[in-house]
Amino acid sequence: MQAVSSTTKQAFVEVCAVEDLWMGEMESFEVASHEVLILNVDGELQAFDGICPHQSVSLVEGRFDGKVLTCRAHEWSFDACTGEGINPKAECLRRFALRIEGGKVFVSTDPSEEQGETA
């Protein structure tokens, strides 16, 4: 199911119900050919690129302690609230806009340009 925001032309796709992701949990979803990782950080949902920028490993296979997301392959780690790199600091995850309507989680089909985009 796909919904289009009334204020922008950005498309959003329904991926799950809010209740499907408990605090401290993560899950990945295929959204318009992107693997998108949704994390529940203290009751707030965050959506990031689900692939580690290091060697294209799926981040859902890694560890999430409720605050830090760590890739299973080489221990790269990211702040779960911002997507900013912890190790290494120079890397970060692309953010995907998300919204919640009627208990459902909708994710943008395109990553945001406000964070994580590198030239």
C-alpha atoms as a PDB file:
ATOM      1  CA  MET A   1       0.000   0.000   0.000  1.00  0.00           C
ATOM      2  CA  GLN A   2       1.395   3.404  -0.901  1.00  0.00           C
ATOM      3  CA  ALA A   3       0.429   6.847   0.346  1.00  0.00           C
ATOM      4  CA  VAL A   4       1.555  10.236  -0.922  1.00  0.00           C
ATOM      5  CA  SER A   5       2.105  13.116   1.479  1.00  0.00           C
ATOM      6  CA  SER A   6      -0.218  16.028   0.870  1.00  0.00           C
ATOM      7  CA  THR A   7       2.508  18.627   1.587  1.00  0.00           C
ATOM      8  CA  THR A   8       5.210  17.167  -0.665  1.00  0.00           C
ATOM      9  CA  LYS A   9       5.505  14.862  -3.611  1.00  0.00           C
ATOM     10  CA  GLN A  10       7.528  12.446  -1.510  1.00  0.00           C
ATOM     11  CA  ALA A  11       5.997   8.963  -1.618  1.00  0.00           C
ATOM     12  CA  PHE A  12       5.557   6.876   1.522  1.00  0.00           C
ATOM     13  CA  VAL A  13       4.989   3.131   1.794  1.00  0.00           C
ATOM     14  CA  GLU A  14       3.376   1.295   4.703  1.00  0.00           C
ATOM     15  CA  VAL A  15       5.855  -1.166   6.219  1.00  0.00           C
ATOM     16  CA  CYS A  16       4.383  -2.352   9.529  1.00  0.00           C
ATOM     17  CA  ALA A  17       2.234  -1.524  12.533  1.00  0.00           C
ATOM     18  CA  VAL A  18       3.749   0.539  15.356  1.00  0.00           C
ATOM     19  CA  GLU A  19       3.062  -2.318  17.773  1.00  0.00           C
ATOM     20  CA  ASP A  20       5.227  -4.673  15.661  1.00  0.00           C
ATOM     21  CA  LEU A  21       8.424  -2.983  16.934  1.00  0.00           C
ATOM     22  CA  TRP A  22       8.876  -3.004  20.681  1.00  0.00           C
ATOM     23  CA  MET A  23      11.392  -0.771  22.441  1.00  0.00           C
ATOM     24  CA  GLY A  24      14.925  -1.910  21.673  1.00  0.00           C
ATOM     25  CA  GLU A  25      13.916  -3.911  18.598  1.00  0.00           C
ATOM     26  CA  MET A  26      14.827  -3.484  14.940  1.00  0.00           C
ATOM     27  CA  GLU A  27      13.516  -4.843  11.660  1.00  0.00           C
ATOM     28  CA  SER A  28      14.370  -4.317   8.009  1.00  0.00           C
ATOM     29  CA  PHE A  29      11.965  -3.756   5.141  1.00  0.00           C
ATOM     30  CA  GLU A  30      12.316  -3.497   1.374  1.00  0.00           C
ATOM     31  CA  VAL A  31      11.162  -0.026   0.321  1.00  0.00           C
ATOM     32  CA  ALA A  32      11.465   0.922  -3.358  1.00  0.00           C
ATOM     33  CA  SER A  33      14.605  -1.209  -3.852  1.00  0.00           C
ATOM     34  CA  HIS A  34      16.206   0.089  -0.622  1.00  0.00           C
ATOM     35  CA  GLU A  35      16.727  -2.015   2.479  1.00  0.00           C
ATOM     36  CA  VAL A  36      15.413   0.220   5.253  1.00  0.00           C
ATOM     37  CA  LEU A  37      16.115  -0.549   8.905  1.00  0.00           C
ATOM     38  CA  ILE A  38      13.581   0.637  11.469  1.00  0.00           C
ATOM     39  CA  LEU A  39      14.721   0.897  15.084  1.00  0.00           C
ATOM     40  CA  ASN A  40      12.633   1.543  18.183  1.00  0.00           C
ATOM     41  CA  VAL A  41      14.807   3.808  20.334  1.00  0.00           C
ATOM     42  CA  ASP A  42      13.086   4.489  23.661  1.00  0.00           C
ATOM     43  CA  GLY A  43       9.677   4.460  21.994  1.00  0.00           C
ATOM     44  CA  GLU A  44      10.737   6.662  19.056  1.00  0.00           C
ATOM     45  CA  LEU A  45      11.019   5.019  15.649  1.00  0.00           C
ATOM     46  CA  GLN A  46      14.016   5.807  13.456  1.00  0.00           C
ATOM     47  CA  ALA A  47      14.554   4.715   9.844  1.00  0.00           C
ATOM     48  CA  PHE A  48      17.976   4.374   8.208  1.00  0.00           C
ATOM     49  CA  ASP A  49      19.656   2.687   5.295  1.00  0.00           C
ATOM     50  CA  GLY A  50      19.717  -0.976   6.288  1.00  0.00           C
ATOM     51  CA  ILE A  51      23.056  -1.683   4.625  1.00  0.00           C
ATOM     52  CA  CYS A  52      26.375  -0.951   6.318  1.00  0.00           C
ATOM     53  CA  PRO A  53      28.366   1.549   4.237  1.00  0.00           C
ATOM     54  CA  HIS A  54      31.548  -0.444   4.839  1.00  0.00           C
ATOM     55  CA  GLN A  55      30.970  -3.687   2.959  1.00  0.00           C
ATOM     56  CA  SER A  56      27.252  -3.803   2.194  1.00  0.00           C
ATOM     57  CA  VAL A  57      26.315  -6.119   5.076  1.00  0.00           C
ATOM     58  CA  SER A  58      22.687  -6.075   6.198  1.00  0.00           C
ATOM     59  CA  LEU A  59      22.558  -4.207   9.519  1.00  0.00           C
ATOM     60  CA  VAL A  60      19.568  -6.193  10.788  1.00  0.00           C
ATOM     61  CA  GLU A  61      22.029  -9.084  11.215  1.00  0.00           C
ATOM     62  CA  GLY A  62      24.020  -6.981  13.680  1.00  0.00           C
ATOM     63  CA  ARG A  63      23.425  -5.940  17.277  1.00  0.00           C
ATOM     64  CA  PHE A  64      21.189  -3.202  18.637  1.00  0.00           C
ATOM     65  CA  ASP A  65      21.441  -2.465  22.360  1.00  0.00           C
ATOM     66  CA  GLY A  66      18.695   0.155  22.337  1.00  0.00           C
ATOM     67  CA  LYS A  67      21.116   3.050  21.688  1.00  0.00           C
ATOM     68  CA  VAL A  68      23.907   1.761  19.428  1.00  0.00           C
ATOM     69  CA  LEU A  69      23.638  -0.264  16.216  1.00  0.00           C
ATOM     70  CA  THR A  70      26.678  -2.440  15.455  1.00  0.00           C
ATOM     71  CA  CYS A  71      27.379  -4.221  12.174  1.00  0.00           C
ATOM     72  CA  ARG A  72      28.134  -7.923  12.592  1.00  0.00           C
ATOM     73  CA  ALA A  73      30.917  -8.006  10.019  1.00  0.00           C
ATOM     74  CA  HIS A  74      33.534  -5.526  11.211  1.00  0.00           C
ATOM     75  CA  GLU A  75      31.990  -3.918  14.304  1.00  0.00           C
ATOM     76  CA  TRP A  76      31.226  -0.568  12.700  1.00  0.00           C
ATOM     77  CA  SER A  77      28.800   1.177  15.041  1.00  0.00           C
ATOM     78  CA  PHE A  78      26.230   3.955  14.674  1.00  0.00           C
ATOM     79  CA  ASP A  79      24.149   6.126  17.001  1.00  0.00           C
ATOM     80  CA  ALA A  80      20.608   4.739  16.733  1.00  0.00           C
ATOM     81  CA  CYS A  81      19.005   8.185  17.170  1.00  0.00           C
ATOM     82  CA  THR A  82      20.991  10.069  14.552  1.00  0.00           C
ATOM     83  CA  GLY A  83      22.684   7.480  12.332  1.00  0.00           C
ATOM     84  CA  GLU A  84      26.027   9.188  12.986  1.00  0.00           C
ATOM     85  CA  GLY A  85      29.095   7.012  13.098  1.00  0.00           C
ATOM     86  CA  ILE A  86      30.583   6.082  16.443  1.00  0.00           C
ATOM     87  CA  ASN A  87      33.264   3.820  15.003  1.00  0.00           C
ATOM     88  CA  PRO A  88      34.386   5.197  12.619  1.00  0.00           C
ATOM     89  CA  LYS A  89      33.137   8.721  13.300  1.00  0.00           C
ATOM     90  CA  ALA A  90      33.491   9.812   9.654  1.00  0.00           C
ATOM     91  CA  GLU A  91      30.694   7.475   8.467  1.00  0.00           C
ATOM     92  CA  CYS A  92      26.959   7.781   8.959  1.00  0.00           C
ATOM     93  CA  LEU A  93      23.777   6.118   7.794  1.00  0.00           C
ATOM     94  CA  ARG A  94      21.336   7.729   5.400  1.00  0.00           C
ATOM     95  CA  ARG A  95      18.052   8.571   7.114  1.00  0.00           C
ATOM     96  CA  PHE A  96      14.639   7.790   5.661  1.00  0.00           C
ATOM     97  CA  ALA A  97      11.690   9.963   6.612  1.00  0.00           C
ATOM     98  CA  LEU A  98       8.936   8.100   8.387  1.00  0.00           C
ATOM     99  CA  ARG A  99       5.529   8.963   9.671  1.00  0.00           C
ATOM    100  CA  ILE A 100       2.924   7.239  11.774  1.00  0.00           C
ATOM    101  CA  GLU A 101      -0.758   7.338  10.879  1.00  0.00           C
ATOM    102  CA  GLY A 102      -3.497   5.242  12.418  1.00  0.00           C
ATOM    103  CA  GLY A 103      -1.011   2.981  14.198  1.00  0.00           C
ATOM    104  CA  LYS A 104       0.806   2.190  10.948  1.00  0.00           C
ATOM    105  CA  VAL A 105       4.404   3.068  10.054  1.00  0.00           C
ATOM    106  CA  PHE A 106       5.040   4.638   6.645  1.00  0.00           C
ATOM    107  CA  VAL A 107       8.556   5.120   5.237  1.00  0.00           C
ATOM    108  CA  SER A 108       9.661   7.433   2.437  1.00  0.00           C
ATOM    109  CA  THR A 109      10.691   5.732  -0.775  1.00  0.00           C
ATOM    110  CA  ASP A 110      13.778   7.986  -0.969  1.00  0.00           C
ATOM    111  CA  PRO A 111      16.491   8.619   1.618  1.00  0.00           C
ATOM    112  CA  SER A 112      16.621  12.092   3.126  1.00  0.00           C
ATOM    113  CA  GLU A 113      19.287  14.521   1.997  1.00  0.00           C
ATOM    114  CA  GLU A 114      19.498  16.175   5.414  1.00  0.00           C
ATOM    115  CA  GLN A 115      21.713  13.512   6.969  1.00  0.00           C
ATOM    116  CA  GLY A 116      24.190  10.932   5.864  1.00  0.00           C
ATOM    117  CA  GLU A 117      24.580  12.003   2.271  1.00  0.00           C
ATOM    118  CA  THR A 118      28.190  12.240   1.253  1.00  0.00           C
ATOM    119  CA  ALA A 119      29.636  13.655  -1.921  1.00  0.00           C
END
